[in-house]
C-alpha atoms as a PDB file:
ATOM      1  CA  MET A   1     -14.252  61.427 140.032  1.00  0.00           C
ATOM      2  CA  ILE A   2     -14.330  65.075 141.070  1.00  0.00           C
ATOM      3  CA  GLU A   3     -16.933  65.966 143.722  1.00  0.00           C
ATOM      4  CA  TRP A   4     -18.963  69.215 144.280  1.00  0.00           C
ATOM      5  CA  PRO A   5     -17.324  71.458 146.873  1.00  0.00           C
ATOM      6  CA  GLU A   6     -19.252  71.575 150.151  1.00  0.00           C
ATOM      7  CA  ASN A   7     -20.008  75.377 149.866  1.00  0.00           C
ATOM      8  CA  PHE A   8     -21.210  74.952 146.412  1.00  0.00           C
ATOM      9  CA  LEU A   9     -23.761  72.470 147.402  1.00  0.00           C
ATOM     10  CA  HIS A  10     -24.912  74.899 150.038  1.00  0.00           C
ATOM     11  CA  VAL A  11     -25.165  77.739 147.516  1.00  0.00           C
ATOM     12  CA  SER A  12     -26.958  75.570 144.831  1.00  0.00           C
ATOM     13  CA  LYS A  13     -29.321  74.070 147.465  1.00  0.00           C
ATOM     14  CA  ALA A  14     -30.352  77.703 148.415  1.00  0.00           C
ATOM     15  CA  ARG A  15     -31.568  77.927 144.857  1.00  0.00           C
ATOM     16  CA  GLY A  16     -33.463  74.627 144.976  1.00  0.00           C
ATOM     17  CA  PHE A  17     -30.944  72.238 143.572  1.00  0.00           C
ATOM     18  CA  GLU A  18     -30.788  68.699 145.110  1.00  0.00           C
ATOM     19  CA  ALA A  19     -28.466  65.876 144.561  1.00  0.00           C
ATOM     20  CA  ALA A  20     -29.677  63.028 142.208  1.00  0.00           C
ATOM     21  CA  GLY A  21     -26.719  60.760 142.137  1.00  0.00           C
ATOM     22  CA  LYS A  22     -23.289  62.041 143.214  1.00  0.00           C
ATOM     23  CA  PRO A  23     -22.369  64.223 140.283  1.00  0.00           C
ATOM     24  CA  VAL A  24     -25.910  65.296 139.283  1.00  0.00           C
ATOM     25  CA  LEU A  25     -27.808  68.215 140.761  1.00  0.00           C
ATOM     26  CA  VAL A  26     -31.444  68.741 139.799  1.00  0.00           C
ATOM     27  CA  LEU A  27     -33.945  71.396 140.188  1.00  0.00           C
ATOM     28  CA  PRO A  28     -37.521  70.409 139.029  1.00  0.00           C
ATOM     29  CA  ARG A  29     -39.530  73.373 137.707  1.00  0.00           C
ATOM     30  CA  PRO A  30     -43.074  73.171 136.245  1.00  0.00           C
ATOM     31  CA  GLY A  31     -42.806  70.992 133.121  1.00  0.00           C
ATOM     32  CA  LEU A  32     -39.111  70.977 132.958  1.00  0.00           C
ATOM     33  CA  ALA A  33     -35.940  70.189 134.922  1.00  0.00           C
ATOM     34  CA  CYS A  34     -32.578  72.153 135.413  1.00  0.00           C
ATOM     35  CA  LEU A  35     -29.494  69.923 135.773  1.00  0.00           C
ATOM     36  CA  LEU A  36     -25.890  70.495 136.781  1.00  0.00           C
ATOM     37  CA  VAL A  37     -23.124  68.041 136.532  1.00  0.00           C
ATOM     38  CA  LEU A  38     -19.418  68.364 137.474  1.00  0.00           C
ATOM     39  CA  GLU A  39     -17.193  66.181 135.262  1.00  0.00           C
ATOM     40  CA  GLY A  40     -13.486  65.375 135.010  1.00  0.00           C
ATOM     41  CA  GLY A  41     -10.646  64.946 137.391  1.00  0.00           C
ATOM     42  CA  GLY A  42      -7.555  62.850 137.299  1.00  0.00           C
ATOM     43  CA  ASN A  43      -5.952  63.336 133.998  1.00  0.00           C
ATOM     44  CA  GLU A  44      -9.283  64.927 132.598  1.00  0.00           C
ATOM     45  CA  LEU A  45     -10.002  68.662 132.662  1.00  0.00           C
ATOM     46  CA  ILE A  46     -12.729  69.504 135.133  1.00  0.00           C
ATOM     47  CA  ARG A  47     -15.848  71.338 133.871  1.00  0.00           C
ATOM     48  CA  MET A  48     -19.337  72.129 135.073  1.00  0.00           C
ATOM     49  CA  LEU A  49     -22.059  71.246 132.749  1.00  0.00           C
ATOM     50  CA  ALA A  50     -25.613  72.732 132.732  1.00  0.00           C
ATOM     51  CA  GLY A  51     -28.706  71.317 130.871  1.00  0.00           C
ATOM     52  CA  ILE A  52     -32.440  71.658 130.586  1.00  0.00           C
ATOM     53  CA  CYS A  53     -34.905  68.885 129.777  1.00  0.00           C
ATOM     54  CA  LEU A  54     -38.597  68.502 129.759  1.00  0.00           C
ATOM     55  CA  SER A  55     -40.032  66.755 132.831  1.00  0.00           C
ATOM     56  CA  GLY A  56     -40.774  63.571 130.787  1.00  0.00           C
ATOM     57  CA  GLN A  57     -37.070  63.153 130.053  1.00  0.00           C
ATOM     58  CA  LEU A  58     -35.827  63.603 133.520  1.00  0.00           C
ATOM     59  CA  GLU A  59     -36.130  60.007 134.767  1.00  0.00           C
ATOM     60  CA  THR A  60     -34.400  58.670 131.658  1.00  0.00           C
ATOM     61  CA  VAL A  61     -31.541  61.044 132.107  1.00  0.00           C
ATOM     62  CA  LYS A  62     -31.096  60.101 135.738  1.00  0.00           C
ATOM     63  CA  LYS A  63     -31.672  56.318 135.246  1.00  0.00           C
ATOM     64  CA  HIS A  64     -29.078  56.032 132.623  1.00  0.00           C
ATOM     65  CA  GLU A  65     -26.744  58.549 134.149  1.00  0.00           C
ATOM     66  CA  LYS A  66     -26.721  60.190 130.782  1.00  0.00           C
ATOM     67  CA  SER A  67     -24.136  62.861 130.219  1.00  0.00           C
ATOM     68  CA  LEU A  68     -25.638  66.299 129.925  1.00  0.00           C
ATOM     69  CA  ARG A  69     -23.509  66.647 126.849  1.00  0.00           C
ATOM     70  CA  GLU A  70     -26.071  64.296 124.992  1.00  0.00           C
ATOM     71  CA  LEU A  71     -29.011  66.689 125.762  1.00  0.00           C
ATOM     72  CA  PRO A  72     -29.795  69.151 122.927  1.00  0.00           C
ATOM     73  CA  LEU A  73     -30.018  72.090 125.426  1.00  0.00           C
ATOM     74  CA  ALA A  74     -26.836  71.660 127.417  1.00  0.00           C
ATOM     75  CA  GLY A  75     -23.230  72.539 127.526  1.00  0.00           C
ATOM     76  CA  ALA A  76     -20.146  73.490 129.505  1.00  0.00           C
ATOM     77  CA  VAL A  77     -20.573  76.600 131.751  1.00  0.00           C
ATOM     78  CA  SER A  78     -17.857  79.069 131.151  1.00  0.00           C
ATOM     79  CA  LEU A  79     -17.469  82.500 132.522  1.00  0.00           C
ATOM     80  CA  ASN A  80     -19.434  83.901 129.708  1.00  0.00           C
ATOM     81  CA  ALA A  81     -22.059  81.312 128.432  1.00  0.00           C
ATOM     82  CA  VAL A  82     -23.513  77.934 128.587  1.00  0.00           C
ATOM     83  CA  GLY A  83     -22.310  76.012 125.535  1.00  0.00           C
ATOM     84  CA  PRO A  84     -19.766  77.295 122.903  1.00  0.00           C
ATOM     85  CA  GLY A  85     -19.152  80.671 121.541  1.00  0.00           C
ATOM     86  CA  ALA A  86     -17.746  82.603 124.441  1.00  0.00           C
ATOM     87  CA  GLY A  87     -14.584  80.847 125.724  1.00  0.00           C
ATOM     88  CA  GLU A  88     -14.125  77.870 127.929  1.00  0.00           C
ATOM     89  CA  THR A  89     -13.712  77.642 131.612  1.00  0.00           C
ATOM     90  CA  TYR A  90     -12.108  74.562 133.130  1.00  0.00           C
ATOM     91  CA  TRP A  91      -9.715  73.413 135.865  1.00  0.00           C
ATOM     92  CA  THR A  92      -7.034  70.718 136.130  1.00  0.00           C
ATOM     93  CA  ALA A  93      -6.847  68.431 139.044  1.00  0.00           C
ATOM     94  CA  ASP A  94      -3.664  70.094 140.258  1.00  0.00           C
ATOM     95  CA  GLU A  95      -5.234  73.537 140.290  1.00  0.00           C
ATOM     96  CA  VAL A  96      -8.126  72.136 142.444  1.00  0.00           C
ATOM     97  CA  GLU A  97      -5.797  70.403 144.792  1.00  0.00           C
ATOM     98  CA  GLN A  98      -3.347  73.379 145.121  1.00  0.00           C
ATOM     99  CA  ASP A  99      -6.115  76.055 145.625  1.00  0.00           C
ATOM    100  CA  PRO A 100      -9.554  74.445 146.385  1.00  0.00           C
ATOM    101  CA  ALA A 101     -10.890  77.712 147.781  1.00  0.00           C
ATOM    102  CA  ARG A 102     -10.261  79.489 144.403  1.00  0.00           C
ATOM    103  CA  PHE A 103     -11.859  76.501 142.541  1.00  0.00           C
ATOM    104  CA  GLU A 104     -14.892  76.863 144.745  1.00  0.00           C
ATOM    105  CA  ARG A 105     -15.135  80.547 144.287  1.00  0.00           C
ATOM    106  CA  GLU A 106     -14.913  80.379 140.514  1.00  0.00           C
ATOM    107  CA  LEU A 107     -17.341  77.520 140.364  1.00  0.00           C
ATOM    108  CA  ILE A 108     -19.941  79.601 142.482  1.00  0.00           C
ATOM    109  CA  HIS A 109     -19.266  82.603 140.213  1.00  0.00           C
ATOM    110  CA  CYS A 110     -20.062  80.602 137.045  1.00  0.00           C
ATOM    111  CA  PHE A 111     -23.180  79.163 138.687  1.00  0.00           C
ATOM    112  CA  ARG A 112     -24.566  82.447 139.952  1.00  0.00           C
ATOM    113  CA  GLU A 113     -23.570  84.724 137.061  1.00  0.00           C
ATOM    114  CA  VAL A 114     -24.047  82.429 134.063  1.00  0.00           C
ATOM    115  CA  ALA A 115     -25.749  79.168 134.827  1.00  0.00           C
ATOM    116  CA  VAL A 116     -28.696  80.531 136.878  1.00  0.00           C
ATOM    117  CA  PRO A 117     -29.603  83.374 134.320  1.00  0.00           C
ATOM    118  CA  TRP A 118     -29.494  80.714 131.622  1.00  0.00           C
ATOM    119  CA  PHE A 119     -31.896  78.523 133.489  1.00  0.00           C
ATOM    120  CA  CYS A 120     -34.162  81.600 134.154  1.00  0.00           C
ATOM    121  CA  ALA A 121     -34.213  82.455 130.446  1.00  0.00           C
ATOM    122  CA  PHE A 122     -36.383  79.329 129.822  1.00  0.00           C
ATOM    123  CA  SER A 123     -39.685  80.290 131.357  1.00  0.00           C
ATOM    124  CA  ASP A 124     -41.670  77.112 130.716  1.00  0.00           C
ATOM    125  CA  PRO A 125     -41.863  73.943 128.553  1.00  0.00           C
ATOM    126  CA  SER A 126     -42.980  75.889 125.401  1.00  0.00           C
ATOM    127  CA  GLU A 127     -39.780  77.891 125.536  1.00  0.00           C
ATOM    128  CA  VAL A 128     -37.820  74.757 125.728  1.00  0.00           C
ATOM    129  CA  ARG A 129     -39.730  73.313 122.815  1.00  0.00           C
ATOM    130  CA  LYS A 130     -39.059  76.467 120.814  1.00  0.00           C
ATOM    131  CA  ALA A 131     -35.397  76.357 121.584  1.00  0.00           C
ATOM    132  CA  LEU A 132     -35.205  72.833 120.441  1.00  0.00           C
ATOM    133  CA  ASP A 133     -36.862  73.804 117.274  1.00  0.00           C
ATOM    134  CA  ASP A 134     -34.444  76.619 116.864  1.00  0.00           C
ATOM    135  CA  ILE A 135     -31.437  74.459 117.059  1.00  0.00           C
ATOM    136  CA  GLY A 136     -32.746  71.816 114.715  1.00  0.00           C
ATOM    137  CA  GLU A 137     -34.081  69.389 117.258  1.00  0.00           C
ATOM    138  CA  ALA A 138     -37.634  69.359 116.048  1.00  0.00           C
ATOM    139  CA  SER A 139     -38.034  65.730 116.590  1.00  0.00           C
ATOM    140  CA  SER A 140     -36.986  66.057 120.260  1.00  0.00           C
ATOM    141  CA  ALA A 141     -39.704  68.805 120.610  1.00  0.00           C
ATOM    142  CA  SER A 142     -42.380  66.942 118.700  1.00  0.00           C
ATOM    143  CA  GLU A 143     -41.887  63.868 121.107  1.00  0.00           C
ATOM    144  CA  HIS A 144     -43.226  66.073 123.827  1.00  0.00           C
ATOM    145  CA  GLY A 145     -46.110  67.779 122.163  1.00  0.00           C
ATOM    146  CA  SER A 146     -44.670  70.441 119.858  1.00  0.00           C
ATOM    147  CA  SER A 147     -45.078  70.388 116.109  1.00  0.00           C
ATOM    148  CA  GLY A 148     -43.368  73.720 115.692  1.00  0.00           C
ATOM    149  CA  VAL A 149     -43.668  76.882 117.687  1.00  0.00           C
ATOM    150  CA  ASP A 150     -44.762  80.245 116.419  1.00  0.00           C
ATOM    151  CA  SER A 151     -42.063  82.885 116.544  1.00  0.00           C
ATOM    152  CA  VAL A 152     -43.023  85.559 118.999  1.00  0.00           C
ATOM    153  CA  GLU A 153     -41.119  88.308 120.752  1.00  0.00           C
ATOM    154  CA  PRO A 154     -40.028  86.706 124.075  1.00  0.00           C
ATOM    155  CA  ALA A 155     -40.875  88.588 127.260  1.00  0.00           C
ATOM    156  CA  PRO A 156     -38.480  88.494 130.262  1.00  0.00           C
ATOM    157  CA  VAL A 157     -39.262  85.675 132.564  1.00  0.00           C
ATOM    158  CA  ALA A 158     -40.689  86.770 135.919  1.00  0.00           C
ATOM    159  CA  ALA A 159     -38.634  86.092 138.955  1.00  0.00           C
ATOM    160  CA  ASP A 160     -39.354  82.910 140.947  1.00  0.00           C
ATOM    161  CA  ASP A 161     -37.574  80.945 143.729  1.00  0.00           C
ATOM    162  CA  LEU A 162     -34.602  80.308 141.364  1.00  0.00           C
ATOM    163  CA  CYS A 163     -34.498  83.673 139.540  1.00  0.00           C
ATOM    164  CA  THR A 164     -33.848  87.049 141.254  1.00  0.00           C
ATOM    165  CA  GLY A 165     -34.244  88.919 137.955  1.00  0.00           C
ATOM    166  CA  ALA A 166     -36.032  88.589 134.672  1.00  0.00           C
ATOM    167  CA  TYR A 167     -34.311  87.125 131.638  1.00  0.00           C
ATOM    168  CA  ALA A 168     -35.289  86.577 128.015  1.00  0.00           C
ATOM    169  CA  ARG A 169     -34.056  84.182 125.310  1.00  0.00           C
ATOM    170  CA  TYR A 170     -34.038  85.175 121.619  1.00  0.00           C
ATOM    171  CA  SER A 171     -33.918  82.961 118.529  1.00  0.00           C
ATOM    172  CA  MET A 172     -31.790  84.416 115.685  1.00  0.00           C
ATOM    173  CA  GLN A 173     -35.047  85.530 113.907  1.00  0.00           C
ATOM    174  CA  GLU A 174     -36.272  87.138 116.955  1.00  0.00           C
ATOM    175  CA  PHE A 175     -32.959  88.932 117.553  1.00  0.00           C
ATOM    176  CA  GLU A 176     -33.014  90.358 114.128  1.00  0.00           C
ATOM    177  CA  ARG A 177     -36.278  92.201 115.071  1.00  0.00           C
ATOM    178  CA  GLN A 178     -36.877  94.482 118.089  1.00  0.00           C
ATOM    179  CA  PRO A 179     -33.494  93.991 119.768  1.00  0.00           C
ATOM    180  CA  MET A 180     -31.566  94.760 116.578  1.00  0.00           C
ATOM    181  CA  GLU A 181     -33.853  97.778 115.836  1.00  0.00           C
ATOM    182  CA  ALA A 182     -32.982  99.082 119.426  1.00  0.00           C
ATOM    183  CA  LEU A 183     -29.293  98.387 118.823  1.00  0.00           C
ATOM    184  CA  ARG A 184     -29.180 100.147 115.565  1.00  0.00           C
ATOM    185  CA  GLY A 185     -30.678 103.236 117.107  1.00  0.00           C
ATOM    186  CA  MET A 186     -28.327 103.136 120.019  1.00  0.00           C
ATOM    187  CA  LEU A 187     -25.176 102.576 117.971  1.00  0.00           C
ATOM    188  CA  HIS A 188     -26.205 105.111 115.319  1.00  0.00           C
ATOM    189  CA  GLU A 189     -26.281 107.761 118.038  1.00  0.00           C
ATOM    190  CA  LEU A 190     -22.689 106.789 118.761  1.00  0.00           C
ATOM    191  CA  GLY A 191     -21.573 107.259 115.119  1.00  0.00           C
ATOM    192  CA  PHE A 192     -21.808 103.662 114.030  1.00  0.00           C
ATOM    193  CA  ARG A 193     -23.718 102.337 111.062  1.00  0.00           C
ATOM    194  CA  ALA A 194     -24.951  98.883 110.408  1.00  0.00           C
ATOM    195  CA  ASP A 195     -22.799  96.843 107.932  1.00  0.00           C
ATOM    196  CA  ASN A 196     -24.784  95.198 105.122  1.00  0.00           C
ATOM    197  CA  SER A 197     -22.638  91.968 105.322  1.00  0.00           C
ATOM    198  CA  GLU A 198     -23.993  89.046 107.155  1.00  0.00           C
ATOM    199  CA  GLY A 199     -23.822  89.026 110.871  1.00  0.00           C
ATOM    200  CA  PHE A 200     -24.666  91.646 113.427  1.00  0.00           C
ATOM    201  CA  ARG A 201     -21.899  94.191 112.603  1.00  0.00           C
ATOM    202  CA  PHE A 202     -21.505  97.866 112.947  1.00  0.00           C
ATOM    203  CA  CYS A 203     -18.689 100.081 111.938  1.00  0.00           C
ATOM    204  CA  ARG A 204     -17.421 103.700 112.084  1.00  0.00           C
ATOM    205  CA  TRP A 205     -14.973 104.893 109.544  1.00  0.00           C
ATOM    206  CA  ARG A 206     -12.526 107.546 110.604  1.00  0.00           C
ATOM    207  CA  LYS A 207     -11.467 109.023 107.322  1.00  0.00           C
ATOM    208  CA  ALA A 208      -8.459 111.150 108.547  1.00  0.00           C
ATOM    209  CA  GLY A 209      -6.472 107.891 109.548  1.00  0.00           C
ATOM    210  CA  ASN A 210      -8.432 105.523 107.243  1.00  0.00           C
ATOM    211  CA  LEU A 211      -9.128 103.448 110.236  1.00  0.00           C
ATOM    212  CA  VAL A 212     -12.488 101.497 110.880  1.00  0.00           C
ATOM    213  CA  ASP A 213     -13.873 100.856 114.255  1.00  0.00           C
ATOM    214  CA  VAL A 214     -15.932  97.647 114.387  1.00  0.00           C
ATOM    215  CA  VAL A 215     -18.432  96.327 116.789  1.00  0.00           C
ATOM    216  CA  LEU A 216     -19.458  92.662 116.264  1.00  0.00           C
ATOM    217  CA  LEU A 217     -22.429  91.472 118.291  1.00  0.00           C
ATOM    218  CA  LYS A 218     -22.969  87.858 118.890  1.00  0.00           C
ATOM    219  CA  PRO A 219     -25.807  86.072 120.800  1.00  0.00           C
ATOM    220  CA  VAL A 220     -24.413  83.081 122.651  1.00  0.00           C
ATOM    221  CA  GLY A 221     -25.626  80.471 125.130  1.00  0.00           C
ATOM    222  CA  PHE A 222     -28.650  79.375 122.932  1.00  0.00           C
ATOM    223  CA  GLY A 223     -29.755  82.972 122.576  1.00  0.00           C
ATOM    224  CA  THR A 224     -29.572  83.963 126.191  1.00  0.00           C
ATOM    225  CA  ARG A 225     -26.638  86.303 126.319  1.00  0.00           C
ATOM    226  CA  LEU A 226     -24.798  88.875 124.210  1.00  0.00           C
ATOM    227  CA  VAL A 227     -21.141  89.210 123.539  1.00  0.00           C
ATOM    228  CA  ALA A 228     -19.842  92.380 121.836  1.00  0.00           C
ATOM    229  CA  ASP A 229     -16.458  92.144 120.141  1.00  0.00           C
ATOM    230  CA  VAL A 230     -14.720  95.430 119.404  1.00  0.00           C
ATOM    231  CA  PHE A 231     -11.515  96.078 117.305  1.00  0.00           C
ATOM    232  CA  ALA A 232      -9.895  98.387 114.884  1.00  0.00           C
ATOM    233  CA  TRP A 233      -9.544  97.443 111.284  1.00  0.00           C
ATOM    234  CA  VAL A 234      -7.834  98.814 108.139  1.00  0.00           C
ATOM    235  CA  PRO A 235      -8.906  98.384 104.491  1.00  0.00           C
ATOM    236  CA  GLU A 236      -5.579  97.071 103.535  1.00  0.00           C
ATOM    237  CA  PHE A 237      -6.372  93.819 105.296  1.00  0.00           C
ATOM    238  CA  ASP A 238      -8.914  93.302 102.504  1.00  0.00           C
ATOM    239  CA  GLY A 239      -6.552  94.508  99.667  1.00  0.00           C
ATOM    240  CA  LYS A 240      -8.084  97.923  99.496  1.00  0.00           C
ATOM    241  CA  LYS A 241      -6.816 101.518 100.141  1.00  0.00           C
ATOM    242  CA  THR A 242     -10.141 103.091 100.943  1.00  0.00           C
ATOM    243  CA  PHE A 243     -13.075 102.034 102.943  1.00  0.00           C
ATOM    244  CA  ASP A 244     -16.456 101.224 101.387  1.00  0.00           C
ATOM    245  CA  HIS A 245     -17.805  98.316 103.357  1.00  0.00           C
ATOM    246  CA  LEU A 246     -16.658  95.421 105.496  1.00  0.00           C
ATOM    247  CA  PRO A 247     -15.733  92.192 103.782  1.00  0.00           C
ATOM    248  CA  GLU A 248     -17.312  88.795 104.792  1.00  0.00           C
ATOM    249  CA  ASP A 249     -14.262  87.755 106.667  1.00  0.00           C
ATOM    250  CA  LEU A 250     -12.657  90.181 109.017  1.00  0.00           C
ATOM    251  CA  MET A 251      -9.141  90.022 110.452  1.00  0.00           C
ATOM    252  CA  ALA A 252      -9.365  91.116 114.029  1.00  0.00           C
ATOM    253  CA  ILE A 253      -5.861  91.505 115.516  1.00  0.00           C
ATOM    254  CA  ASN A 254      -6.477  93.816 118.492  1.00  0.00           C
ATOM    255  CA  GLY A 255      -9.295  94.603 120.853  1.00  0.00           C
ATOM    256  CA  GLY A 256     -11.412  91.797 122.190  1.00  0.00           C
ATOM    257  CA  VAL A 257     -14.732  91.369 124.265  1.00  0.00           C
ATOM    258  CA  LEU A 258     -16.247  94.572 125.597  1.00  0.00           C
ATOM    259  CA  GLY A 259     -16.565  93.967 129.353  1.00  0.00           C
ATOM    260  CA  SER A 260     -18.044  96.010 132.099  1.00  0.00           C
ATOM    261  CA  ASP A 261     -14.928  98.098 132.722  1.00  0.00           C
ATOM    262  CA  ARG A 262     -12.280  96.954 130.190  1.00  0.00           C
ATOM    263  CA  ILE A 263     -11.836  94.951 126.954  1.00  0.00           C
ATOM    264  CA  GLU A 264     -10.821  91.399 127.595  1.00  0.00           C
ATOM    265  CA  PRO A 265      -8.423  90.104 124.808  1.00  0.00           C
ATOM    266  CA  TYR A 266      -8.776  86.775 123.144  1.00  0.00           C
ATOM    267  CA  PRO A 267      -7.948  83.890 122.932  1.00  0.00           C
ATOM    268  CA  TYR A 268      -8.562  83.260 126.584  1.00  0.00           C
ATOM    269  CA  LEU A 269     -11.306  85.190 128.487  1.00  0.00           C
ATOM    270  CA  ARG A 270     -10.488  85.669 131.978  1.00  0.00           C
ATOM    271  CA  ALA A 271     -13.631  87.562 133.096  1.00  0.00           C
ATOM    272  CA  THR A 272     -17.360  87.599 132.676  1.00  0.00           C
ATOM    273  CA  CYS A 273     -17.900  89.910 129.794  1.00  0.00           C
ATOM    274  CA  SER A 274     -21.111  88.650 128.181  1.00  0.00           C
ATOM    275  CA  GLN A 275     -24.482  90.110 129.110  1.00  0.00           C
ATOM    276  CA  PRO A 276     -27.656  88.239 129.897  1.00  0.00           C
ATOM    277  CA  PHE A 277     -30.815  89.522 128.244  1.00  0.00           C
ATOM    278  CA  ASP A 278     -32.226  91.032 131.377  1.00  0.00           C
ATOM    279  CA  GLU A 279     -34.359  94.203 131.654  1.00  0.00           C
ATOM    280  CA  SER A 280     -31.376  96.462 131.551  1.00  0.00           C
ATOM    281  CA  TRP A 281     -29.083  94.878 128.848  1.00  0.00           C
ATOM    282  CA  LEU A 282     -29.400  97.637 126.426  1.00  0.00           C
ATOM    283  CA  ASP A 283     -28.705 100.324 128.934  1.00  0.00           C
ATOM    284  CA  GLU A 284     -25.664  98.420 130.093  1.00  0.00           C
ATOM    285  CA  LEU A 285     -24.322  97.919 126.628  1.00  0.00           C
ATOM    286  CA  ARG A 286     -24.765 101.730 125.930  1.00  0.00           C
ATOM    287  CA  ARG A 287     -22.816 102.478 129.073  1.00  0.00           C
ATOM    288  CA  ARG A 288     -20.046 100.003 128.136  1.00  0.00           C
ATOM    289  CA  MET A 289     -19.864 101.613 124.632  1.00  0.00           C
ATOM    290  CA  GLN A 290     -19.632 105.044 126.114  1.00  0.00           C
ATOM    291  CA  ASP A 291     -17.255 104.302 128.975  1.00  0.00           C
ATOM    292  CA  VAL A 292     -15.165 101.583 127.653  1.00  0.00           C
ATOM    293  CA  ALA A 293     -15.275 101.121 123.896  1.00  0.00           C
ATOM    294  CA  LEU A 294     -15.284 104.701 122.697  1.00  0.00           C
ATOM    295  CA  PRO A 295     -12.263 105.724 124.841  1.00  0.00           C
ATOM    296  CA  TRP A 296     -10.426 102.712 123.600  1.00  0.00           C
ATOM    297  CA  PHE A 297     -11.161 103.486 119.955  1.00  0.00           C
ATOM    298  CA  GLU A 298     -10.102 107.138 120.542  1.00  0.00           C
ATOM    299  CA  SER A 299      -6.759 105.931 121.971  1.00  0.00           C
ATOM    300  CA  ILE A 300      -5.987 104.490 118.505  1.00  0.00           C
ATOM    301  CA  GLU A 301      -5.381 107.854 116.700  1.00  0.00           C
ATOM    302  CA  ASP A 302      -3.364 106.417 113.910  1.00  0.00           C
ATOM    303  CA  ARG A 303      -1.738 103.344 112.314  1.00  0.00           C
ATOM    304  CA  ARG A 304       1.124 103.303 114.748  1.00  0.00           C
ATOM    305  CA  ASP A 305      -1.402 103.281 117.700  1.00  0.00           C
ATOM    306  CA  LEU A 306      -3.079 100.317 116.041  1.00  0.00           C
ATOM    307  CA  LEU A 307       0.223  98.520 115.758  1.00  0.00           C
ATOM    308  CA  SER A 308       0.892  99.040 119.395  1.00  0.00           C
ATOM    309  CA  SER A 309      -2.448  97.632 120.285  1.00  0.00           C
ATOM    310  CA  VAL A 310      -1.956  94.324 118.569  1.00  0.00           C
ATOM    311  CA  ARG A 311      -2.896  91.335 120.758  1.00  0.00           C
ATOM    312  CA  GLU A 312      -0.145  89.223 122.163  1.00  0.00           C
ATOM    313  CA  ASP A 313      -1.264  86.206 120.069  1.00  0.00           C
ATOM    314  CA  PHE A 314      -0.669  88.211 116.885  1.00  0.00           C
ATOM    315  CA  ARG A 315       2.641  89.974 117.859  1.00  0.00           C
ATOM    316  CA  THR A 316       4.835  87.083 116.577  1.00  0.00           C
ATOM    317  CA  CYS A 317       3.001  87.138 113.267  1.00  0.00           C
ATOM    318  CA  LEU A 318       3.560  90.780 112.405  1.00  0.00           C
ATOM    319  CA  ASP A 319       6.658  90.276 110.259  1.00  0.00           C
ATOM    320  CA  GLU A 320       5.605  87.020 108.644  1.00  0.00           C
ATOM    321  CA  SER A 321       4.828  87.232 104.938  1.00  0.00           C
ATOM    322  CA  VAL A 322       1.122  87.494 104.005  1.00  0.00           C
ATOM    323  CA  GLY A 323       1.880  87.399 100.206  1.00  0.00           C
ATOM    324  CA  GLU A 324       3.375  89.688  97.608  1.00  0.00           C
ATOM    325  CA  GLY A 325       6.287  90.603  99.819  1.00  0.00           C
ATOM    326  CA  LYS A 326       3.886  92.212 102.359  1.00  0.00           C
ATOM    327  CA  THR A 327       3.654  91.533 106.143  1.00  0.00           C
ATOM    328  CA  LEU A 328       1.016  92.493 108.580  1.00  0.00           C
ATOM    329  CA  ARG A 329       3.127  95.213 109.908  1.00  0.00           C
ATOM    330  CA  SER A 330       3.564  96.681 106.400  1.00  0.00           C
ATOM    331  CA  LEU A 331      -0.242  96.411 105.728  1.00  0.00           C
ATOM    332  CA  ILE A 332      -1.015  98.251 108.946  1.00  0.00           C
ATOM    333  CA  LEU A 333       1.503 101.091 108.154  1.00  0.00           C
ATOM    334  CA  SER A 334       0.875 101.407 104.444  1.00  0.00           C
ATOM    335  CA  ALA A 335      -1.597 104.360 104.512  1.00  0.00           C
END
C-alpha cells in the first residue's frame, strides 16, 4: 500500500487535515467532512481521491474503511478537476520509487490547486445536499434532511481556515443563467457568437478562409471549475461547403484546453488549465482569450495552417479514408 509522503502530510495538516486510518485524511467542517485517500501501489496505478460527506456519514465511512469512490461526491484528483471530465493524473510505483521528490511535488500541487478549491466550493451542508440532488442522489440527500433544494444563484464561499479565497459551485441550470450571460457578453466583444446547438459553444466564422474558430466551455468537478476547449474547424467535416451553424458532433483535430499561457493538447493534459469559479474567473478567462486563444486562432490563416496544427494523435489518421474516397487531409484542403 502506498503511503502519504511526509511533506504532504505536513502541508495537509497545515490546512486542518488529520489522519483517520493510514490512507485516510479527514478535515471536519461544520456539518460536513472533507476526506482524502491515497490508493494504489504495487501493480496498481496510484491516485489521490477526494470526497465530501455530511457529518452523519463520516463515522460509517471511517468504520468500514469505505472507498471514497463509493461516495456520490468524490473522485480522483487530477491536475484539472476532482472527478472525470478533465483528464487523469496518476503515478506508477516505479515512477514514485525513481523520483519520490517529483511525486511529492505533484501530489502537493494537485492538493493545493485542485482539491482545496474543490472542498472550498462546498460552503455548508445545504450546498452538499443540493449537489447530491443535482447529480441524481436525491435519496442520499433526503436521508440527511433535504427533500429537494431550491435553485439559487450561488455566492462564493467566504474564506476560512481551509480556504484562502472564495469559490462557488454551479449546477448546470445555475450555470446557464448569470455565468453564461456574462460569458456571452465577453465572448461577443471578441467576435464570437453563441451556437444554438446543445452545450456551451461559441464560434467565429472567418469567411475568407471558410474557417470556424470554436470555443467549447465545460463545467467540471461537480460544477466547481471551468474548462475551455479551443480549436479550428471547417464545414467540410460536416459534409458542407459553407458555414451556417455547428453540428451536434464536432471533430476537433487541433487545439486543446486553454491554459494560462498556452494551449494544452489532448489526449493527455500535463498542466493545470481549468479555472476554479473564484472571484476573478471571468476576468482570467477574458485574459486567456485575448493573450492566448486569439493569437493562436490568428496563427491559422488558411487551410494549410490548420493542417500544420493537427494534434499528434490525429496525424496518423490524416490520409486514412473517411468515405467516398476522401481523407481528412483532402477535407481540410478542399476549399
